[in-house]
């Protein structure tokens, strides 16, 4: 999600150099985000029952240069449907 222009997009991830802070969009998604834009990156996970019961979501709060300023860790909770 692009905070600067309201664009919402879905794309894939290719790992870059660890700690580089680089976010690069390719293809059609690249037309929706410009250098310097503030974006929210959301990821999803599929878990089996055992994994879901202990999963703790994490939120990375980023600062200048896309460096992690704070890592928030949620509680493991919720009902698992059979």
N, C-alpha and C. Protein backbone atom coordinates (compact mmCIF):
# COMPACT_ATOMS: atom_id res chain seq x y z
N UNK A 1 0.85 -1.16 0.00
CA UNK A 1 0.00 0.00 0.00
C UNK A 1 0.90 1.23 0.00
N UNK A 2 0.59 2.17 -0.87
CA UNK A 2 1.39 3.38 -0.99
C UNK A 2 0.70 4.51 -0.23
N UNK A 3 1.33 4.99 0.84
CA UNK A 3 0.75 6.08 1.63
C UNK A 3 0.74 7.40 0.88
N UNK A 4 1.60 7.56 -0.11
CA UNK A 4 1.68 8.83 -0.83
C UNK A 4 0.54 9.02 -1.83
N UNK A 5 0.15 7.95 -2.52
CA UNK A 5 -0.89 8.11 -3.54
C UNK A 5 -2.10 7.20 -3.36
N UNK A 6 -2.12 6.39 -2.30
CA UNK A 6 -3.26 5.53 -2.03
C UNK A 6 -3.31 4.25 -2.83
N UNK A 7 -2.32 4.01 -3.68
CA UNK A 7 -2.32 2.80 -4.51
C UNK A 7 -2.20 1.55 -3.64
N UNK A 8 -2.97 0.54 -4.01
CA UNK A 8 -2.88 -0.77 -3.36
C UNK A 8 -2.45 -1.76 -4.42
N UNK A 9 -1.49 -2.57 -4.10
CA UNK A 9 -0.98 -3.51 -5.08
C UNK A 9 -0.57 -4.80 -4.41
N UNK A 10 -0.48 -5.84 -5.20
CA UNK A 10 -0.02 -7.13 -4.72
C UNK A 10 1.05 -7.61 -5.68
N UNK A 11 2.16 -8.08 -5.13
CA UNK A 11 3.26 -8.53 -5.98
C UNK A 11 4.03 -9.63 -5.26
N UNK A 12 5.16 -10.00 -5.77
CA UNK A 12 5.98 -11.07 -5.24
C UNK A 12 7.22 -10.49 -4.57
N UNK A 13 7.97 -11.35 -3.89
CA UNK A 13 9.19 -10.92 -3.20
C UNK A 13 10.39 -11.67 -3.76
N UNK A 14 11.46 -10.93 -4.00
CA UNK A 14 12.76 -11.52 -4.31
C UNK A 14 13.71 -10.98 -3.25
N UNK A 15 14.36 -11.88 -2.54
CA UNK A 15 15.26 -11.46 -1.47
C UNK A 15 16.42 -10.64 -2.03
N UNK A 16 16.77 -9.58 -1.31
CA UNK A 16 17.92 -8.74 -1.65
C UNK A 16 19.01 -8.92 -0.62
N UNK A 17 20.08 -8.17 -0.72
CA UNK A 17 21.16 -8.27 0.25
C UNK A 17 20.66 -7.92 1.66
N UNK A 18 20.90 -8.80 2.61
CA UNK A 18 20.47 -8.61 4.00
C UNK A 18 21.03 -7.30 4.55
N UNK A 19 20.16 -6.50 5.17
CA UNK A 19 20.57 -5.25 5.78
C UNK A 19 20.73 -4.09 4.82
N UNK A 20 20.44 -4.30 3.53
CA UNK A 20 20.64 -3.23 2.55
C UNK A 20 19.57 -2.15 2.63
N UNK A 21 18.37 -2.50 3.12
CA UNK A 21 17.27 -1.53 3.19
C UNK A 21 16.64 -1.25 1.84
N UNK A 22 17.02 -2.01 0.83
CA UNK A 22 16.51 -1.77 -0.53
C UNK A 22 15.14 -2.40 -0.72
N UNK A 23 14.21 -1.62 -1.26
CA UNK A 23 12.92 -2.12 -1.70
C UNK A 23 12.81 -1.76 -3.17
N UNK A 24 12.67 -2.76 -4.02
CA UNK A 24 12.62 -2.53 -5.47
C UNK A 24 11.39 -3.20 -6.04
N UNK A 25 10.58 -2.45 -6.75
CA UNK A 25 9.40 -3.01 -7.40
C UNK A 25 9.67 -3.16 -8.89
N UNK A 26 9.25 -4.29 -9.45
CA UNK A 26 9.43 -4.56 -10.87
C UNK A 26 8.08 -4.70 -11.55
N UNK A 27 8.07 -4.68 -12.86
CA UNK A 27 6.86 -4.90 -13.62
C UNK A 27 5.82 -3.81 -13.41
N UNK A 28 4.54 -4.20 -13.51
CA UNK A 28 3.44 -3.23 -13.40
C UNK A 28 3.42 -2.53 -12.05
N UNK A 29 3.80 -3.23 -10.98
CA UNK A 29 3.81 -2.62 -9.64
C UNK A 29 4.74 -1.42 -9.57
N UNK A 30 5.79 -1.43 -10.37
CA UNK A 30 6.77 -0.34 -10.35
C UNK A 30 6.14 0.98 -10.78
N UNK A 31 5.05 0.95 -11.53
CA UNK A 31 4.39 2.18 -11.97
C UNK A 31 3.61 2.85 -10.85
N UNK A 32 3.37 2.13 -9.74
CA UNK A 32 2.53 2.64 -8.67
C UNK A 32 3.30 3.26 -7.51
N UNK A 33 4.61 3.09 -7.49
CA UNK A 33 5.44 3.57 -6.38
C UNK A 33 6.66 4.29 -6.94
N UNK A 34 6.97 5.44 -6.36
CA UNK A 34 8.12 6.24 -6.78
C UNK A 34 9.17 6.25 -5.67
N UNK A 35 10.44 6.47 -6.01
CA UNK A 35 11.47 6.58 -4.97
C UNK A 35 11.07 7.65 -3.94
N UNK A 36 11.21 7.30 -2.66
CA UNK A 36 10.87 8.22 -1.59
C UNK A 36 9.46 8.06 -1.06
N UNK A 37 8.59 7.32 -1.76
CA UNK A 37 7.24 7.08 -1.27
C UNK A 37 7.28 6.26 0.01
N UNK A 38 6.30 6.48 0.87
CA UNK A 38 6.16 5.69 2.10
C UNK A 38 5.18 4.57 1.79
N UNK A 39 5.61 3.32 2.00
CA UNK A 39 4.76 2.17 1.70
C UNK A 39 4.58 1.30 2.94
N UNK A 40 3.46 0.61 2.97
CA UNK A 40 3.19 -0.39 4.01
C UNK A 40 3.28 -1.75 3.32
N UNK A 41 4.13 -2.61 3.84
CA UNK A 41 4.30 -3.94 3.27
C UNK A 41 3.61 -4.94 4.21
N UNK A 42 2.69 -5.70 3.64
CA UNK A 42 1.92 -6.68 4.41
C UNK A 42 2.25 -8.07 3.85
N UNK A 43 2.49 -9.02 4.74
CA UNK A 43 2.70 -10.39 4.28
C UNK A 43 1.67 -11.30 4.93
N UNK A 44 1.45 -12.42 4.29
CA UNK A 44 0.48 -13.41 4.77
C UNK A 44 1.19 -14.74 4.94
N UNK A 45 0.62 -15.58 5.80
CA UNK A 45 1.22 -16.90 6.04
C UNK A 45 0.10 -17.94 6.14
N UNK A 46 0.37 -19.13 5.61
CA UNK A 46 -0.56 -20.25 5.79
C UNK A 46 0.09 -21.20 6.78
N UNK A 47 -0.67 -21.57 7.81
CA UNK A 47 -0.14 -22.41 8.87
C UNK A 47 -1.03 -23.63 9.06
N UNK A 48 -0.43 -24.73 9.49
CA UNK A 48 -1.26 -25.86 9.88
C UNK A 48 -1.72 -25.62 11.32
N UNK A 49 -2.56 -26.48 11.85
CA UNK A 49 -3.17 -26.28 13.17
C UNK A 49 -2.12 -26.09 14.26
N UNK A 50 -1.11 -26.95 14.29
CA UNK A 50 -0.09 -26.86 15.35
C UNK A 50 0.70 -25.55 15.26
N UNK A 51 1.04 -25.14 14.06
CA UNK A 51 1.76 -23.87 13.88
C UNK A 51 0.90 -22.68 14.29
N UNK A 52 -0.37 -22.71 13.91
CA UNK A 52 -1.27 -21.59 14.20
C UNK A 52 -1.48 -21.39 15.69
N UNK A 53 -1.45 -22.45 16.45
CA UNK A 53 -1.68 -22.35 17.90
C UNK A 53 -0.56 -21.62 18.62
N UNK A 54 0.64 -21.59 18.05
CA UNK A 54 1.77 -20.94 18.73
C UNK A 54 2.33 -19.75 17.95
N UNK A 55 1.75 -19.47 16.79
CA UNK A 55 2.26 -18.38 15.94
C UNK A 55 2.12 -17.03 16.63
N UNK A 56 3.17 -16.23 16.57
CA UNK A 56 3.16 -14.88 17.13
C UNK A 56 3.48 -13.90 16.01
N UNK A 57 2.51 -13.08 15.59
CA UNK A 57 2.75 -12.14 14.49
C UNK A 57 3.78 -11.08 14.89
N UNK A 58 4.53 -10.59 13.91
CA UNK A 58 5.53 -9.55 14.15
C UNK A 58 5.28 -8.36 13.24
N UNK A 59 5.53 -7.18 13.76
CA UNK A 59 5.42 -5.94 12.99
C UNK A 59 6.74 -5.20 13.13
N UNK A 60 7.39 -4.91 12.00
CA UNK A 60 8.64 -4.15 12.01
C UNK A 60 8.31 -2.68 11.78
N UNK A 61 8.68 -1.83 12.73
CA UNK A 61 8.51 -0.38 12.59
C UNK A 61 9.83 0.15 12.03
N UNK A 62 9.74 0.73 10.84
CA UNK A 62 10.95 1.12 10.12
C UNK A 62 11.26 2.60 10.28
N UNK A 63 12.54 2.93 10.16
CA UNK A 63 13.00 4.32 10.22
C UNK A 63 13.75 4.69 8.96
N UNK A 64 14.57 5.71 9.06
CA UNK A 64 15.37 6.19 7.92
C UNK A 64 16.18 5.05 7.31
N UNK A 65 16.27 5.04 6.00
CA UNK A 65 17.05 4.03 5.30
C UNK A 65 16.47 2.63 5.42
N UNK A 66 15.18 2.54 5.76
CA UNK A 66 14.50 1.25 5.94
C UNK A 66 15.19 0.37 6.98
N UNK A 67 15.64 0.98 8.04
CA UNK A 67 16.25 0.25 9.15
C UNK A 67 15.19 0.00 10.22
N UNK A 68 15.22 -1.19 10.82
CA UNK A 68 14.25 -1.52 11.86
C UNK A 68 14.52 -0.69 13.10
N UNK A 69 13.51 0.10 13.51
CA UNK A 69 13.60 0.88 14.74
C UNK A 69 13.01 0.11 15.92
N UNK A 70 11.98 -0.67 15.63
CA UNK A 70 11.31 -1.41 16.70
C UNK A 70 10.65 -2.65 16.09
N UNK A 71 10.70 -3.76 16.83
CA UNK A 71 10.03 -4.98 16.39
C UNK A 71 8.96 -5.31 17.42
N UNK A 72 7.70 -5.26 16.99
CA UNK A 72 6.58 -5.57 17.86
C UNK A 72 6.20 -7.03 17.65
N UNK A 73 5.99 -7.76 18.74
CA UNK A 73 5.63 -9.17 18.65
C UNK A 73 4.30 -9.36 19.36
N UNK A 74 3.33 -9.93 18.63
CA UNK A 74 2.00 -10.14 19.19
C UNK A 74 1.92 -11.42 20.00
N UNK A 75 0.78 -11.59 20.64
CA UNK A 75 0.54 -12.78 21.44
C UNK A 75 0.08 -13.93 20.54
N UNK A 76 0.36 -15.14 20.99
CA UNK A 76 -0.17 -16.33 20.31
C UNK A 76 -1.57 -16.56 20.86
N UNK A 77 -2.58 -16.40 20.03
CA UNK A 77 -3.96 -16.63 20.48
C UNK A 77 -4.87 -16.81 19.29
N UNK A 78 -6.09 -17.14 19.56
CA UNK A 78 -7.07 -17.30 18.49
C UNK A 78 -7.55 -18.73 18.40
N UNK A 79 -8.71 -18.88 17.83
CA UNK A 79 -9.30 -20.20 17.66
C UNK A 79 -8.85 -20.79 16.32
N UNK A 80 -8.57 -22.06 16.34
CA UNK A 80 -8.21 -22.76 15.12
C UNK A 80 -9.40 -23.60 14.70
N UNK A 81 -9.89 -23.39 13.48
CA UNK A 81 -11.04 -24.15 12.99
C UNK A 81 -10.56 -25.46 12.39
N UNK A 82 -11.28 -26.55 12.64
CA UNK A 82 -10.88 -27.86 12.08
C UNK A 82 -11.01 -27.90 10.58
